[in-house]
Amino acid sequence: TFYYFVRLWLDKILLQCIRQSRTLSGADAINALRPFYFAVHPDFFGQHPKEREVNENSLKRLNGYLENLQKPGFRSFKPTQLTFYVREREPNSSNVQESFSASGFRAVSFTLHTRDLLSTVLDILNSCSLSTDHVQSLNGNSQPHKEAKSTVNRPIKWDKTYYSFTGFKDPEEELEQAQRVETTLLSWLDDNAASAVKKLKKSLPLRKELERLKIELSHELQLSDIRWQRSWGIAHRCSQLHSLGRLVQQRPEILENVKGRTVVFTDRSGMSAAGHIMLGTMDVHHHWTKIFERLPNYYKLQKRLLLLEDRISQLLGGIQVIYIEELQPLLTLEEYFETLNSFYNKLRDSRLPFHPRSLRGLQMILESDRYAPSLHELGHFMIPTICDPAALQWFIFAKAQEARENLKRKEEMMLREKELINASTERFSLDRLYKEPSVSSAQMVDCCKRLLEESLPYLQGMHLCISHFYSVLQDGDLCIPWNWK
C-alpha cells in the first residue's frame, strides 16, 4: 500500500509539471481572449442597453476570477457562473446554455471552475464557440489543439483511498458540492457583507465630495440634473465634475445656454434624442467647449424634432411618439431627427386612413433594428422604421385595447414599485435602494415583496442595488439578483 501511494504521489507531481508547462502568463491570457472581448465588449452594444449592462457586470466578475488565478498560492475558489450576450450568428449544439434575446444576440451562460489560466481561457473560448487555434502559439506548445485540450480537460479519477490517506480534498467532490449548493441571499451576505461595509466606509468622503460638487455645479449653471449613463465609480464621477468645474471657471460665457437642462456624462459628446447635453468622458475640454457653443443650433433642431413628432402623431390618429432612454439606444439629436423624418415621409406618402384622435392616449417608440411591430408589456407600441404602413395600421387597430390595458397596469405597477422601495428602505434602514435599468418594475416589485418577508440586519446603512447578479461594487454597493433565493 505504501508503494501504491508513493506512485500516486509521483504521478500527481508529474501531472503538475505537465500542467505548469502549459500555463499562460497574465498577458498571454489577455491576448488569447481578444476574440472573446471583441465579441462581448459593452461598447459594441451601445444600441442595446440591457445586453450592454449584462456584459459589463459579467466582465467585472470574470476579471476578478482571472486576477485570483494569478495570485501566488491561490487555492480556494468558488465556481463562478457568467452570462454574456455574444454578437453571433446562430446557436450551436454545445452543452452551454444558450438563448436568443429579442434584439437577436445569443445569450451564453457557463460556469468557471478551473484552477489555471490556460484551462480557463480554453473554457471561455469554447463556451462562446470561438476559435482556440491561436492559444497554442501563445502557449508555446507544438502539439495540436485537440490533443492539448483533451489533456488539460481530461478528468483525473483518483482512488478515494488516496484522499483519505493523504488528507487532500477531492476536487471533483468539492465541485459537485458547490454545484449542488445554490447561492442564497443569506449565505452570500454572510460572506460579503463585511467586505461591502469596509468599501462603503472608505468611499464615504468621496460620496460627500460628489454630492457637494453636484449641488454646486447644478446651482451655478441652473441645471435640472446631472447624470451618468454608465455605472462609473465615485472617484471617476468626482473627476468628471472637477473637469466640468474647471471649464466653468475658464469659459463662463459659453455656459449661458444650459439653464434648465440635464447634463449626462457618457461615451460621446453632443445632444441626446431626449434633449440632454452629453459630455463624452474621453473628450477633452476643447470638445466640450464646442458642444456648449453649438447649443443654440441644437435647440433649433429640437424644435423641428418636436414638430415632426406632432405631424407623425396626427397621421396616426393622435398616438404619441415618445423616446424612452432606458429601453432605446442612446441616439444623438441628429440621428433621432433623421429616423423620425424618414418614417414621417413614408407615412405621408401612404395616406393611412386613421380617424383623428382615435388613438389618443396611446404611445409608440421607433426602432431601427426591428422588422415587425410589437406591443411592449409597458403599453407602448414598438414600431420599426421600415415597417409596411398597411401592416402597421392593422397591427395598431388590433392591439389598441390591449395597449390601453397595459398602460393602466404600468401606472399601477410604478406606484406599487415606489411604495415597496420606500417600505424596504425604511424596514432595513438602507441608505439607498435602487435598481439597474435592465430590471423591470414587475421584477423590482417581486424582489421587494420577498425582501420584506426576511430579517436582514446586514443591510443597515448599506447601498443596495437590485440587479441580475451578486456583486460588491468598488464603492461598497451591494448588488443582488432580483430573483434571489
Protein backbone atom coordinates (compact mmCIF):
# COMPACT_ATOMS: atom_id res chain seq x y z
CA THR A 1 0.00 0.00 0.00
CA PHE A 2 2.86 2.36 0.80
CA TYR A 3 4.42 1.95 -2.65
CA TYR A 4 0.99 2.36 -4.23
CA PHE A 5 0.52 5.77 -2.66
CA VAL A 6 4.11 6.79 -3.41
CA ARG A 7 3.46 6.03 -7.05
CA LEU A 8 0.23 8.05 -6.98
CA TRP A 9 2.11 10.92 -5.38
CA LEU A 10 4.80 10.86 -8.07
CA ASP A 11 2.10 10.72 -10.75
CA LYS A 12 0.49 13.80 -9.24
CA ILE A 13 3.81 15.70 -9.25
CA LEU A 14 4.40 14.70 -12.86
CA LEU A 15 0.91 15.88 -13.79
CA GLN A 16 1.54 19.23 -12.11
CA CYS A 17 4.77 19.62 -14.06
CA ILE A 18 2.92 18.91 -17.31
CA ARG A 19 0.26 21.47 -16.44
CA GLN A 20 2.83 24.09 -15.45
CA SER A 21 4.48 23.69 -18.84
CA ARG A 22 1.16 24.61 -20.39
CA THR A 23 0.28 27.55 -18.16
CA LEU A 24 -0.19 31.03 -19.59
CA SER A 25 1.03 34.33 -18.24
CA GLY A 26 -1.49 37.05 -17.48
CA ALA A 27 -0.52 38.96 -20.65
CA ASP A 28 -0.83 35.80 -22.75
CA ALA A 29 -4.28 35.14 -21.31
CA ILE A 30 -5.45 38.63 -22.27
CA ASN A 31 -4.10 38.18 -25.81
CA ALA A 32 -5.74 34.78 -26.10
CA LEU A 33 -9.10 36.24 -25.04
CA ARG A 34 -9.04 39.09 -27.57
CA PRO A 35 -11.65 37.42 -29.85
CA PHE A 36 -13.87 36.93 -26.81
CA TYR A 37 -13.51 40.54 -25.63
CA PHE A 38 -14.28 41.74 -29.15
CA ALA A 39 -17.45 39.61 -29.25
CA VAL A 40 -18.81 40.75 -25.87
CA HIS A 41 -17.34 44.24 -25.34
CA PRO A 42 -20.07 46.59 -23.99
CA ASP A 43 -19.10 49.37 -26.40
CA PHE A 44 -20.43 47.27 -29.29
CA PHE A 45 -23.84 47.07 -27.60
CA GLY A 46 -24.44 50.82 -27.38
CA GLN A 47 -27.86 50.49 -29.02
CA HIS A 48 -28.90 47.67 -26.70
CA PRO A 49 -28.73 48.86 -23.06
CA LYS A 50 -29.87 45.58 -21.47
CA GLU A 51 -27.24 43.44 -23.24
CA ARG A 52 -24.57 46.06 -22.60
CA GLU A 53 -25.26 46.15 -18.87
CA VAL A 54 -25.25 42.35 -18.53
CA ASN A 55 -21.89 42.15 -20.33
CA GLU A 56 -20.40 44.93 -18.19
CA ASN A 57 -21.34 43.13 -14.98
CA SER A 58 -20.12 39.76 -16.23
CA LEU A 59 -16.78 41.19 -17.39
CA LYS A 60 -16.18 42.63 -13.91
CA ARG A 61 -16.74 39.23 -12.33
CA LEU A 62 -14.62 37.47 -14.98
CA ASN A 63 -11.70 39.86 -14.44
CA GLY A 64 -11.89 39.19 -10.69
CA TYR A 65 -11.76 35.45 -11.34
CA LEU A 66 -8.73 35.78 -13.65
CA GLU A 67 -6.94 38.02 -11.15
CA ASN A 68 -7.44 35.45 -8.39
CA LEU A 69 -5.98 32.69 -10.56
CA GLN A 70 -2.77 34.70 -10.90
CA LYS A 71 -2.30 35.28 -7.16
CA PRO A 72 0.60 33.27 -5.68
CA GLY A 73 -0.58 30.31 -3.63
CA PHE A 74 -4.22 30.79 -4.60
CA ARG A 75 -6.13 27.56 -3.99
CA SER A 76 -9.64 28.10 -2.68
CA PHE A 77 -12.17 29.36 -5.16
CA LYS A 78 -15.89 29.27 -5.85
CA PRO A 79 -17.33 28.19 -9.21
CA THR A 80 -18.46 31.36 -10.99
CA GLN A 81 -21.45 31.36 -13.32
CA LEU A 82 -21.36 34.04 -16.02
CA THR A 83 -23.76 35.17 -18.73
CA PHE A 84 -22.71 37.11 -21.83
CA TYR A 85 -24.54 38.36 -24.89
CA VAL A 86 -22.45 37.46 -27.94
CA ARG A 87 -22.64 39.03 -31.39
CA GLU A 88 -23.12 35.70 -33.11
CA ARG A 89 -24.92 34.08 -36.00
CA GLU A 90 -26.90 31.06 -34.81
CA PRO A 91 -26.95 28.87 -31.73
CA ASN A 92 -24.76 25.80 -31.80
CA SER A 93 -25.32 22.39 -30.35
CA SER A 94 -22.88 22.60 -27.45
CA ASN A 95 -23.70 21.87 -23.83
CA VAL A 96 -23.57 25.55 -22.95
CA GLN A 97 -26.90 27.10 -22.01
CA GLU A 98 -27.91 29.49 -24.80
CA SER A 99 -30.89 31.65 -25.69
CA PHE A 100 -31.56 34.48 -28.10
CA SER A 101 -32.63 37.91 -26.90
CA ALA A 102 -35.27 39.98 -28.67
CA SER A 103 -32.50 42.02 -30.28
CA GLY A 104 -31.05 38.94 -31.95
CA PHE A 105 -27.95 38.39 -29.77
CA ARG A 106 -27.04 34.99 -28.38
CA ALA A 107 -27.03 34.71 -24.58
CA VAL A 108 -24.32 32.30 -23.40
CA SER A 109 -24.17 31.04 -19.80
CA PHE A 110 -21.30 28.95 -18.44
CA THR A 111 -19.60 28.15 -15.13
CA LEU A 112 -15.88 28.67 -14.49
CA HIS A 113 -14.32 26.19 -12.08
CA THR A 114 -10.77 25.60 -13.36
CA ARG A 115 -7.63 26.40 -11.34
CA ASP A 116 -5.24 27.58 -14.09
CA LEU A 117 -5.33 30.29 -16.75
CA LEU A 118 -4.93 28.01 -19.77
CA SER A 119 -7.91 25.80 -18.91
CA THR A 120 -10.00 28.86 -18.07
CA VAL A 121 -9.16 30.60 -21.36
CA LEU A 122 -10.00 27.45 -23.34
CA ASP A 123 -13.28 27.02 -21.47
CA ILE A 124 -14.32 30.62 -22.19
CA LEU A 125 -13.47 30.46 -25.88
CA ASN A 126 -15.12 27.06 -26.35
CA SER A 127 -18.25 28.17 -24.48
CA CYS A 128 -18.69 31.08 -26.87
CA SER A 129 -17.92 28.93 -29.96
CA LEU A 130 -14.75 30.92 -30.68
CA SER A 131 -11.59 29.51 -32.24
CA THR A 132 -8.82 28.33 -29.88
CA ASP A 133 -6.14 27.71 -32.52
CA HIS A 134 -4.23 30.89 -31.63
CA VAL A 135 -3.88 29.78 -27.99
CA GLN A 136 -1.27 27.18 -28.92
CA SER A 137 1.11 29.75 -30.41
CA LEU A 138 0.82 31.87 -27.27
CA ASN A 139 1.35 28.85 -25.08
CA GLY A 140 4.44 27.68 -27.00
CA ASN A 141 3.04 24.18 -27.26
CA SER A 142 3.69 22.41 -30.55
CA GLN A 143 1.03 19.78 -30.01
CA PRO A 144 -2.23 20.10 -31.91
CA HIS A 145 -5.05 21.91 -30.12
CA LYS A 146 -7.31 18.88 -29.81
CA GLU A 147 -4.60 16.91 -28.03
CA ALA A 148 -3.79 19.77 -25.67
CA LYS A 149 -7.44 20.34 -24.94
CA SER A 150 -8.13 16.70 -24.19
CA THR A 151 -5.08 16.51 -21.91
CA VAL A 152 -5.94 19.65 -19.94
CA ASN A 153 -9.67 18.94 -19.61
CA ARG A 154 -9.35 15.15 -19.14
CA PRO A 155 -10.92 14.28 -15.76
CA ILE A 156 -8.44 12.56 -13.43
CA LYS A 157 -10.02 9.74 -11.45
CA TRP A 158 -8.02 9.27 -8.25
CA ASP A 159 -8.86 6.41 -5.96
CA LYS A 160 -10.89 7.66 -2.97
CA THR A 161 -8.44 5.99 -0.56
CA TYR A 162 -5.76 8.39 -1.84
CA TYR A 163 -7.62 11.37 -0.41
CA SER A 164 -8.34 9.53 2.84
CA PHE A 165 -4.67 8.61 3.26
CA THR A 166 -3.12 11.95 2.28
CA GLY A 167 -5.77 14.29 3.68
CA PHE A 168 -6.07 16.15 0.36
CA LYS A 169 -9.55 17.33 -0.69
CA ASP A 170 -11.21 15.61 -3.61
CA PRO A 171 -11.60 18.40 -6.26
CA GLU A 172 -14.41 16.57 -8.01
CA GLU A 173 -16.32 16.20 -4.77
CA GLU A 174 -15.78 19.87 -3.97
CA LEU A 175 -17.06 20.92 -7.37
CA GLU A 176 -20.11 18.68 -7.17
CA GLN A 177 -20.90 20.02 -3.71
CA ALA A 178 -20.54 23.63 -4.89
CA GLN A 179 -22.84 22.99 -7.82
CA ARG A 180 -25.42 21.30 -5.59
CA VAL A 181 -25.44 24.15 -3.06
CA GLU A 182 -27.19 27.08 -4.71
CA THR A 183 -26.15 30.55 -3.61
CA THR A 184 -28.73 32.07 -1.28
CA LEU A 185 -29.11 35.68 -0.25
CA LEU A 186 -28.29 34.99 3.40
CA SER A 187 -25.21 32.88 2.64
CA TRP A 188 -23.93 35.47 0.17
CA LEU A 189 -24.46 38.30 2.66
CA ASP A 190 -22.64 36.23 5.31
CA ASP A 191 -19.60 36.03 3.01
CA ASN A 192 -19.65 39.56 1.55
CA ALA A 193 -21.29 42.00 4.00
CA ALA A 194 -18.05 42.74 5.86
CA SER A 195 -16.19 43.50 2.62
CA ALA A 196 -19.00 45.77 1.45
CA VAL A 197 -19.06 47.69 4.75
CA LYS A 198 -15.30 48.24 4.53
CA LYS A 199 -15.51 49.55 0.96
CA LEU A 200 -18.53 51.72 1.80
CA LYS A 201 -16.78 53.38 4.74
CA LYS A 202 -13.76 54.05 2.57
CA SER A 203 -15.94 55.68 -0.10
CA LEU A 204 -17.95 57.94 2.25
CA PRO A 205 -15.64 61.00 1.97
CA LEU A 206 -15.74 60.73 -1.84
CA ARG A 207 -19.53 60.33 -1.78
CA LYS A 208 -19.85 63.56 0.21
CA GLU A 209 -17.47 65.30 -2.18
CA LEU A 210 -19.51 64.08 -5.17
CA GLU A 211 -22.76 65.34 -3.67
CA ARG A 212 -21.18 68.72 -2.89
CA LEU A 213 -19.79 69.13 -6.40
CA LYS A 214 -23.08 68.09 -7.98
CA ILE A 215 -25.10 70.58 -5.90
CA GLU A 216 -22.65 73.43 -6.52
CA LEU A 217 -22.49 72.91 -10.29
CA SER A 218 -26.24 72.41 -10.62
CA HIS A 219 -26.86 75.65 -8.72
CA GLU A 220 -24.17 77.64 -10.56
CA LEU A 221 -25.30 76.52 -14.02
CA GLN A 222 -29.01 76.28 -13.05
CA LEU A 223 -29.12 72.72 -14.33
CA SER A 224 -32.13 70.46 -13.98
CA ASP A 225 -29.93 67.44 -13.20
CA ILE A 226 -26.51 65.83 -13.63
CA ARG A 227 -26.49 62.14 -14.60
CA TRP A 228 -24.17 59.34 -15.67
CA GLN A 229 -25.04 56.86 -18.40
CA ARG A 230 -22.83 54.11 -17.01
CA SER A 231 -22.03 52.86 -13.52
CA TRP A 232 -18.65 54.54 -13.07
CA GLY A 233 -17.10 54.59 -9.62
CA ILE A 234 -17.43 57.55 -7.23
CA ALA A 235 -13.83 58.69 -7.80
CA HIS A 236 -14.35 58.67 -11.56
CA ARG A 237 -17.53 60.75 -11.23
CA CYS A 238 -15.82 63.28 -8.97
CA SER A 239 -13.05 63.66 -11.55
CA GLN A 240 -15.62 64.38 -14.28
CA LEU A 241 -17.34 67.05 -12.17
CA HIS A 242 -13.98 68.64 -11.36
CA SER A 243 -13.29 68.82 -15.12
CA LEU A 244 -16.64 70.50 -15.74
CA GLY A 245 -15.98 72.90 -12.87
CA ARG A 246 -12.62 73.93 -14.37
CA LEU A 247 -14.29 74.59 -17.72
CA VAL A 248 -16.88 76.80 -15.99
CA GLN A 249 -14.08 78.87 -14.47
CA GLN A 250 -12.14 79.14 -17.74
CA ARG A 251 -15.05 79.82 -20.11
CA PRO A 252 -18.09 81.01 -18.13
CA GLU A 253 -19.58 82.81 -21.16
CA ILE A 254 -20.21 79.62 -23.17
CA LEU A 255 -22.33 78.07 -20.42
CA GLU A 256 -25.11 80.65 -20.50
CA ASN A 257 -27.43 78.43 -22.56
CA VAL A 258 -27.57 75.43 -20.21
CA LYS A 259 -30.25 76.74 -17.86
CA GLY A 260 -32.88 74.13 -17.06
CA ARG A 261 -31.05 71.38 -18.95
CA THR A 262 -29.73 67.98 -17.87
CA VAL A 263 -26.04 67.14 -18.32
CA VAL A 264 -25.23 63.47 -18.94
CA PHE A 265 -21.68 62.10 -18.77
CA THR A 266 -21.49 59.36 -21.37
CA ASP A 267 -19.29 57.89 -24.13
CA ARG A 268 -19.69 60.67 -26.71
CA SER A 269 -20.44 64.37 -26.82
CA GLY A 270 -23.46 66.10 -28.32
CA MET A 271 -27.16 66.39 -27.52
CA SER A 272 -29.22 63.27 -26.96
CA ALA A 273 -32.57 62.43 -28.51
CA ALA A 274 -34.12 63.22 -25.11
CA GLY A 275 -32.69 66.75 -25.24
CA HIS A 276 -29.91 66.21 -22.68
CA ILE A 277 -26.41 67.67 -23.07
CA MET A 278 -23.98 64.76 -23.49
CA LEU A 279 -20.35 65.18 -22.41
CA GLY A 280 -18.05 62.40 -23.60
CA THR A 281 -15.81 61.27 -20.77
CA MET A 282 -12.94 60.56 -23.19
CA ASP A 283 -13.15 64.03 -24.77
CA VAL A 284 -11.02 66.98 -23.71
CA HIS A 285 -12.28 70.44 -22.79
CA HIS A 286 -11.94 71.58 -26.41
CA HIS A 287 -14.66 69.12 -27.48
CA TRP A 288 -16.92 70.08 -24.56
CA THR A 289 -16.49 73.75 -25.43
CA LYS A 290 -17.66 73.12 -28.99
CA ILE A 291 -20.78 71.35 -27.71
CA PHE A 292 -21.70 74.29 -25.47
CA GLU A 293 -21.11 76.71 -28.37
CA ARG A 294 -23.47 74.69 -30.59
CA LEU A 295 -26.32 74.62 -28.08
CA PRO A 296 -28.41 77.34 -29.82
CA ASN A 297 -28.33 75.29 -33.04
CA TYR A 298 -29.25 72.13 -31.11
CA TYR A 299 -32.25 73.89 -29.59
CA LYS A 300 -33.47 74.91 -33.07
CA LEU A 301 -33.16 71.31 -34.27
CA GLN A 302 -35.00 70.12 -31.18
CA LYS A 303 -37.97 72.38 -32.03
CA ARG A 304 -38.06 70.88 -35.52
CA LEU A 305 -37.93 67.40 -34.00
CA LEU A 306 -40.91 68.12 -31.71
CA LEU A 307 -42.86 69.44 -34.69
CA LEU A 308 -42.04 66.26 -36.62
CA GLU A 309 -43.33 64.13 -33.73
CA ASP A 310 -46.60 66.11 -33.77
CA ARG A 311 -47.03 65.54 -37.50
CA ILE A 312 -46.47 61.80 -37.13
CA SER A 313 -48.98 61.77 -34.29
CA GLN A 314 -51.60 63.47 -36.49
CA LEU A 315 -51.11 60.92 -39.27
CA LEU A 316 -51.52 58.03 -36.79
CA GLY A 317 -54.75 59.12 -35.09
CA GLY A 318 -53.19 61.02 -32.20
CA ILE A 319 -50.82 58.30 -30.92
CA GLN A 320 -47.91 59.94 -29.05
CA VAL A 321 -44.34 59.41 -30.28
CA ILE A 322 -42.02 59.03 -27.28
CA TYR A 323 -38.36 58.28 -26.62
CA ILE A 324 -37.54 56.07 -23.59
CA GLU A 325 -33.89 56.35 -22.53
CA GLU A 326 -33.90 53.10 -20.52
CA LEU A 327 -35.26 50.98 -23.38
CA GLN A 328 -33.87 52.63 -26.50
CA PRO A 329 -30.33 53.15 -27.79
CA LEU A 330 -28.58 56.37 -26.83
CA LEU A 331 -29.12 58.39 -30.02
CA THR A 332 -27.92 61.89 -30.76
CA LEU A 333 -30.45 64.55 -31.65
CA GLU A 334 -29.33 64.45 -35.30
CA GLU A 335 -29.67 60.65 -35.52
CA TYR A 336 -33.14 60.67 -33.99
CA PHE A 337 -34.30 63.50 -36.26
CA GLU A 338 -33.23 61.54 -39.35
CA THR A 339 -35.09 58.48 -38.08
CA LEU A 340 -38.28 60.48 -37.49
CA ASN A 341 -38.02 62.29 -40.81
CA SER A 342 -37.64 59.05 -42.79
CA PHE A 343 -40.62 57.49 -41.01
CA TYR A 344 -42.74 60.62 -41.50
CA ASN A 345 -42.10 60.71 -45.25
CA LYS A 346 -43.17 57.06 -45.56
CA LEU A 347 -46.37 57.71 -43.61
CA ARG A 348 -47.22 60.86 -45.54
CA ASP A 349 -46.92 59.09 -48.88
CA SER A 350 -49.04 56.12 -47.75
CA ARG A 351 -52.00 58.27 -46.54
CA LEU A 352 -53.25 55.80 -43.92
CA PRO A 353 -56.96 56.30 -43.04
CA PHE A 354 -56.65 56.85 -39.28
CA HIS A 355 -59.55 58.75 -37.71
CA PRO A 356 -58.27 61.95 -36.00
CA ARG A 357 -57.62 61.45 -32.27
CA SER A 358 -58.93 57.85 -32.38
CA LEU A 359 -55.65 56.62 -30.82
CA ARG A 360 -55.18 59.48 -28.41
CA GLY A 361 -53.62 58.34 -25.12
CA LEU A 362 -51.55 55.59 -26.74
CA GLN A 363 -47.77 55.71 -27.14
CA MET A 364 -45.18 54.43 -29.61
CA ILE A 365 -41.41 54.35 -29.99
CA LEU A 366 -39.44 53.99 -33.22
CA GLU A 367 -36.78 51.30 -33.54
CA SER A 368 -34.32 50.85 -36.39
CA ASP A 369 -33.27 47.26 -35.58
CA ARG A 370 -36.70 45.58 -35.84
CA TYR A 371 -38.69 44.30 -38.79
CA ALA A 372 -42.14 43.72 -37.30
CA PRO A 373 -44.24 45.88 -34.94
CA SER A 374 -44.86 44.66 -31.39
CA LEU A 375 -46.58 45.73 -28.20
CA HIS A 376 -44.41 46.16 -25.10
CA GLU A 377 -45.63 44.95 -21.70
CA LEU A 378 -45.45 48.58 -20.52
CA GLY A 379 -48.13 49.52 -23.07
CA HIS A 380 -46.22 51.35 -25.81
CA PHE A 381 -46.01 50.17 -29.42
CA MET A 382 -42.54 49.32 -30.74
CA ILE A 383 -42.62 50.31 -34.42
CA PRO A 384 -39.81 49.53 -36.90
CA THR A 385 -38.82 52.45 -39.10
CA ILE A 386 -39.07 50.17 -42.16
CA CYS A 387 -42.49 48.80 -41.22
CA ASP A 388 -45.04 48.42 -44.03
CA PRO A 389 -47.72 51.12 -43.47
CA ALA A 390 -50.63 48.77 -44.21
CA ALA A 391 -49.32 46.15 -41.74
CA LEU A 392 -48.74 48.92 -39.21
CA GLN A 393 -52.34 50.11 -39.48
CA TRP A 394 -53.76 46.61 -38.97
CA PHE A 395 -51.46 45.89 -36.01
CA ILE A 396 -52.29 49.13 -34.16
CA PHE A 397 -56.05 48.65 -34.61
CA ALA A 398 -55.82 45.03 -33.42
CA LYS A 399 -53.74 45.84 -30.33
CA ALA A 400 -55.16 49.25 -29.31
CA GLN A 401 -57.33 47.96 -26.46
CA GLU A 402 -54.58 45.71 -25.09
CA ALA A 403 -52.21 48.68 -25.20
CA ARG A 404 -54.58 50.79 -23.10
CA GLU A 405 -54.87 48.00 -20.53
CA ASN A 406 -51.07 47.64 -20.40
CA LEU A 407 -50.63 51.38 -19.87
CA LYS A 408 -53.08 51.29 -16.97
CA ARG A 409 -51.25 48.34 -15.39
CA LYS A 410 -47.97 50.18 -15.91
CA GLU A 411 -49.16 53.17 -13.85
CA GLU A 412 -50.38 50.88 -11.08
CA MET A 413 -47.13 48.90 -11.16
CA MET A 414 -44.96 52.02 -10.90
CA LEU A 415 -46.94 53.28 -7.91
CA ARG A 416 -46.62 49.88 -6.26
CA GLU A 417 -42.90 49.81 -7.02
CA LYS A 418 -42.38 53.21 -5.39
CA GLU A 419 -44.31 52.14 -2.28
CA LEU A 420 -42.29 48.94 -1.89
CA ILE A 421 -38.96 50.72 -2.41
CA ASN A 422 -39.83 53.20 0.35
CA ALA A 423 -41.07 50.40 2.64
CA SER A 424 -37.93 48.30 2.06
CA THR A 425 -35.61 51.27 2.57
CA GLU A 426 -37.29 52.07 5.88
CA ARG A 427 -37.58 48.45 7.05
CA PHE A 428 -33.87 47.64 6.59
CA SER A 429 -32.56 51.18 7.34
CA LEU A 430 -30.93 51.30 3.92
CA ASP A 431 -29.07 54.41 2.90
CA ARG A 432 -30.19 53.81 -0.69
CA LEU A 433 -32.20 51.23 -2.63
CA TYR A 434 -32.16 51.34 -6.43
CA LYS A 435 -32.24 49.07 -9.48
CA GLU A 436 -30.36 48.69 -12.74
CA PRO A 437 -32.23 49.90 -15.85
CA SER A 438 -32.46 46.34 -17.17
CA VAL A 439 -34.60 45.31 -14.16
CA SER A 440 -38.30 45.85 -14.88
CA SER A 441 -40.84 47.31 -12.46
CA ALA A 442 -42.55 43.90 -12.17
CA GLN A 443 -39.24 42.28 -11.23
CA MET A 444 -38.49 45.04 -8.71
CA VAL A 445 -41.94 44.64 -7.11
CA ASP A 446 -41.46 40.87 -6.79
CA CYS A 447 -37.99 41.35 -5.30
CA CYS A 448 -39.07 43.92 -2.69
CA LYS A 449 -42.14 41.94 -1.63
CA ARG A 450 -39.95 38.93 -0.82
CA LEU A 451 -37.29 41.08 0.86
CA LEU A 452 -39.88 42.48 3.26
CA GLU A 453 -40.60 38.95 4.47
CA GLU A 454 -36.98 38.46 5.58
CA SER A 455 -34.88 39.61 8.52
CA LEU A 456 -31.65 41.08 7.09
CA PRO A 457 -29.60 43.02 9.67
CA TYR A 458 -26.64 43.08 7.24
CA LEU A 459 -28.34 45.75 5.14
CA GLN A 460 -28.47 48.53 7.72
CA GLY A 461 -26.89 51.68 6.31
CA MET A 462 -25.95 49.99 3.03
CA HIS A 463 -26.47 50.91 -0.63
CA LEU A 464 -28.45 48.08 -2.22
CA CYS A 465 -28.75 47.67 -5.98
CA ILE A 466 -31.24 45.21 -7.49
CA SER A 467 -29.54 43.60 -10.48
CA HIS A 468 -29.20 40.23 -12.23
CA PHE A 469 -26.06 39.11 -10.38
CA TYR A 470 -24.45 39.01 -6.95
CA SER A 471 -21.62 41.54 -6.72
CA VAL A 472 -19.92 44.02 -4.39
CA LEU A 473 -19.07 47.21 -6.29
CA GLN A 474 -15.81 49.04 -5.75
CA ASP A 475 -17.52 51.70 -3.60
CA GLY A 476 -19.34 49.21 -1.37
CA ASP A 477 -22.73 48.96 -3.09
CA LEU A 478 -24.29 45.52 -2.69
CA CYS A 479 -25.77 44.09 -5.89
CA ILE A 480 -28.20 41.19 -5.64
CA PRO A 481 -30.27 39.49 -8.36
CA TRP A 482 -33.94 40.41 -8.36
CA ASN A 483 -34.88 36.71 -8.29
CA TRP A 484 -32.64 35.89 -5.31
CA LYS A 485 -33.21 32.63 -3.46
